[in-house]
Amino acid sequence: MDPEENLTLDEARRLIAYLQAELERQRALNAEMRRAVADMARAFQESLALSHQAAQEGDLERVRQIVIENRRVWQDWLRQIVEAAERKP
């Protein structure tokens, strides 16, 4: 017999309230993750276009600068995603 089968009405209500709050927290986290991924994709497309243009123009120093900046931004985004995923309710 599972422990949940022996819950009182008040305990069941508290459990339902907790689970609903956790579901809302997870939904908010998922929405935040989707926004972060969309931002990352846009930034990647923009930096790729800038790198391509600089390479076409033979400006290898500009390509190098874009790559360095892109790496920094990606690290910041990944840090933010990890922090968001680790938040407690």
C-alpha atoms as a PDB file:
ATOM      1  CA  MET A   1       0.000   0.000   0.000  1.00  0.00           C
ATOM      2  CA  ASP A   2       1.415   3.407  -0.983  1.00  0.00           C
ATOM      3  CA  PRO A   3       1.745   6.149   1.665  1.00  0.00           C
ATOM      4  CA  GLU A   4      -0.390   8.419  -0.565  1.00  0.00           C
ATOM      5  CA  GLU A   5      -3.349   6.094  -0.073  1.00  0.00           C
ATOM      6  CA  ASN A   6      -3.426   6.960   3.636  1.00  0.00           C
ATOM      7  CA  LEU A   7      -3.440  10.761   3.278  1.00  0.00           C
ATOM      8  CA  THR A   8      -5.935  12.793   5.186  1.00  0.00           C
ATOM      9  CA  LEU A   9      -8.054  15.257   3.257  1.00  0.00           C
ATOM     10  CA  ASP A  10      -5.906  18.162   4.502  1.00  0.00           C
ATOM     11  CA  GLU A  11      -2.698  16.352   3.566  1.00  0.00           C
ATOM     12  CA  ALA A  12      -4.065  15.585   0.113  1.00  0.00           C
ATOM     13  CA  ARG A  13      -5.031  19.238  -0.356  1.00  0.00           C
ATOM     14  CA  ARG A  14      -1.557  20.385   0.697  1.00  0.00           C
ATOM     15  CA  LEU A  15       0.021  17.872  -1.666  1.00  0.00           C
ATOM     16  CA  ILE A  16      -2.191  19.048  -4.530  1.00  0.00           C
ATOM     17  CA  ALA A  17      -1.340  22.680  -3.778  1.00  0.00           C
ATOM     18  CA  TYR A  18       2.367  21.848  -3.685  1.00  0.00           C
ATOM     19  CA  LEU A  19       2.186  19.916  -6.952  1.00  0.00           C
ATOM     20  CA  GLN A  20       0.267  22.731  -8.642  1.00  0.00           C
ATOM     21  CA  ALA A  21       2.834  25.282  -7.464  1.00  0.00           C
ATOM     22  CA  GLU A  22       5.656  23.030  -8.684  1.00  0.00           C
ATOM     23  CA  LEU A  23       3.946  22.660 -12.056  1.00  0.00           C
ATOM     24  CA  GLU A  24       3.674  26.444 -12.389  1.00  0.00           C
ATOM     25  CA  ARG A  25       7.325  26.833 -11.412  1.00  0.00           C
ATOM     26  CA  GLN A  26       8.330  24.289 -14.053  1.00  0.00           C
ATOM     27  CA  ARG A  27       6.197  26.038 -16.668  1.00  0.00           C
ATOM     28  CA  ALA A  28       7.840  29.372 -15.870  1.00  0.00           C
ATOM     29  CA  LEU A  29      11.281  27.768 -16.043  1.00  0.00           C
ATOM     30  CA  ASN A  30      10.440  26.161 -19.389  1.00  0.00           C
ATOM     31  CA  ALA A  31       9.256  29.515 -20.768  1.00  0.00           C
ATOM     32  CA  GLU A  32      12.468  31.152 -19.567  1.00  0.00           C
ATOM     33  CA  MET A  33      14.534  28.405 -21.186  1.00  0.00           C
ATOM     34  CA  ARG A  34      12.656  28.777 -24.488  1.00  0.00           C
ATOM     35  CA  ARG A  35      13.314  32.528 -24.476  1.00  0.00           C
ATOM     36  CA  ALA A  36      16.991  31.971 -23.723  1.00  0.00           C
ATOM     37  CA  VAL A  37      17.336  29.439 -26.525  1.00  0.00           C
ATOM     38  CA  ALA A  38      15.572  31.765 -28.976  1.00  0.00           C
ATOM     39  CA  ASP A  39      17.896  34.614 -27.956  1.00  0.00           C
ATOM     40  CA  MET A  40      20.917  32.365 -28.385  1.00  0.00           C
ATOM     41  CA  ALA A  41      19.766  31.271 -31.833  1.00  0.00           C
ATOM     42  CA  ARG A  42      19.220  34.868 -32.981  1.00  0.00           C
ATOM     43  CA  ALA A  43      22.601  35.947 -31.654  1.00  0.00           C
ATOM     44  CA  PHE A  44      24.296  32.967 -33.297  1.00  0.00           C
ATOM     45  CA  GLN A  45      22.703  33.779 -36.655  1.00  0.00           C
ATOM     46  CA  GLU A  46      23.732  37.426 -36.363  1.00  0.00           C
ATOM     47  CA  SER A  47      27.322  36.621 -35.388  1.00  0.00           C
ATOM     48  CA  LEU A  48      27.553  34.020 -38.136  1.00  0.00           C
ATOM     49  CA  ALA A  49      26.427  36.608 -40.687  1.00  0.00           C
ATOM     50  CA  LEU A  50      28.918  39.148 -39.344  1.00  0.00           C
ATOM     51  CA  SER A  51      31.731  36.579 -39.413  1.00  0.00           C
ATOM     52  CA  HIS A  52      30.852  35.562 -42.939  1.00  0.00           C
ATOM     53  CA  GLN A  53      30.809  39.176 -44.104  1.00  0.00           C
ATOM     54  CA  ALA A  54      34.146  39.912 -42.419  1.00  0.00           C
ATOM     55  CA  ALA A  55      35.676  36.773 -43.932  1.00  0.00           C
ATOM     56  CA  GLN A  56      34.403  37.728 -47.387  1.00  0.00           C
ATOM     57  CA  GLU A  57      36.073  41.100 -46.925  1.00  0.00           C
ATOM     58  CA  GLY A  58      39.300  39.419 -45.822  1.00  0.00           C
ATOM     59  CA  ASP A  59      39.123  40.997 -42.347  1.00  0.00           C
ATOM     60  CA  LEU A  60      40.454  38.085 -40.321  1.00  0.00           C
ATOM     61  CA  GLU A  61      41.026  40.266 -37.248  1.00  0.00           C
ATOM     62  CA  ARG A  62      37.317  41.130 -37.213  1.00  0.00           C
ATOM     63  CA  VAL A  63      36.435  37.433 -37.575  1.00  0.00           C
ATOM     64  CA  ARG A  64      38.682  36.681 -34.578  1.00  0.00           C
ATOM     65  CA  GLN A  65      37.039  39.445 -32.515  1.00  0.00           C
ATOM     66  CA  ILE A  66      33.559  38.155 -33.364  1.00  0.00           C
ATOM     67  CA  VAL A  67      34.539  34.614 -32.357  1.00  0.00           C
ATOM     68  CA  ILE A  68      35.969  35.803 -29.028  1.00  0.00           C
ATOM     69  CA  GLU A  69      32.895  37.915 -28.258  1.00  0.00           C
ATOM     70  CA  ASN A  70      30.592  35.110 -29.312  1.00  0.00           C
ATOM     71  CA  ARG A  71      32.344  32.677 -26.950  1.00  0.00           C
ATOM     72  CA  ARG A  72      31.968  35.137 -24.047  1.00  0.00           C
ATOM     73  CA  VAL A  73      28.269  35.641 -24.737  1.00  0.00           C
ATOM     74  CA  TRP A  74      27.645  31.885 -25.041  1.00  0.00           C
ATOM     75  CA  GLN A  75      29.357  31.305 -21.709  1.00  0.00           C
ATOM     76  CA  ASP A  76      27.162  33.981 -20.089  1.00  0.00           C
ATOM     77  CA  TRP A  77      24.001  32.421 -21.521  1.00  0.00           C
ATOM     78  CA  LEU A  78      24.981  28.951 -20.424  1.00  0.00           C
ATOM     79  CA  ARG A  79      25.679  30.258 -16.920  1.00  0.00           C
ATOM     80  CA  GLN A  80      22.244  31.896 -16.828  1.00  0.00           C
ATOM     81  CA  ILE A  81      20.555  28.697 -17.999  1.00  0.00           C
ATOM     82  CA  VAL A  82      22.342  26.629 -15.364  1.00  0.00           C
ATOM     83  CA  GLU A  83      21.419  29.150 -12.664  1.00  0.00           C
ATOM     84  CA  ALA A  84      17.777  29.148 -13.761  1.00  0.00           C
ATOM     85  CA  ALA A  85      17.676  25.355 -13.743  1.00  0.00           C
ATOM     86  CA  GLU A  86      19.146  25.224 -10.224  1.00  0.00           C
ATOM     87  CA  ARG A  87      16.627  27.629  -8.671  1.00  0.00           C
ATOM     88  CA  LYS A  88      14.620  26.122  -5.896  1.00  0.00           C
ATOM     89  CA  PRO A  89      10.897  26.764  -5.426  1.00  0.00           C
END
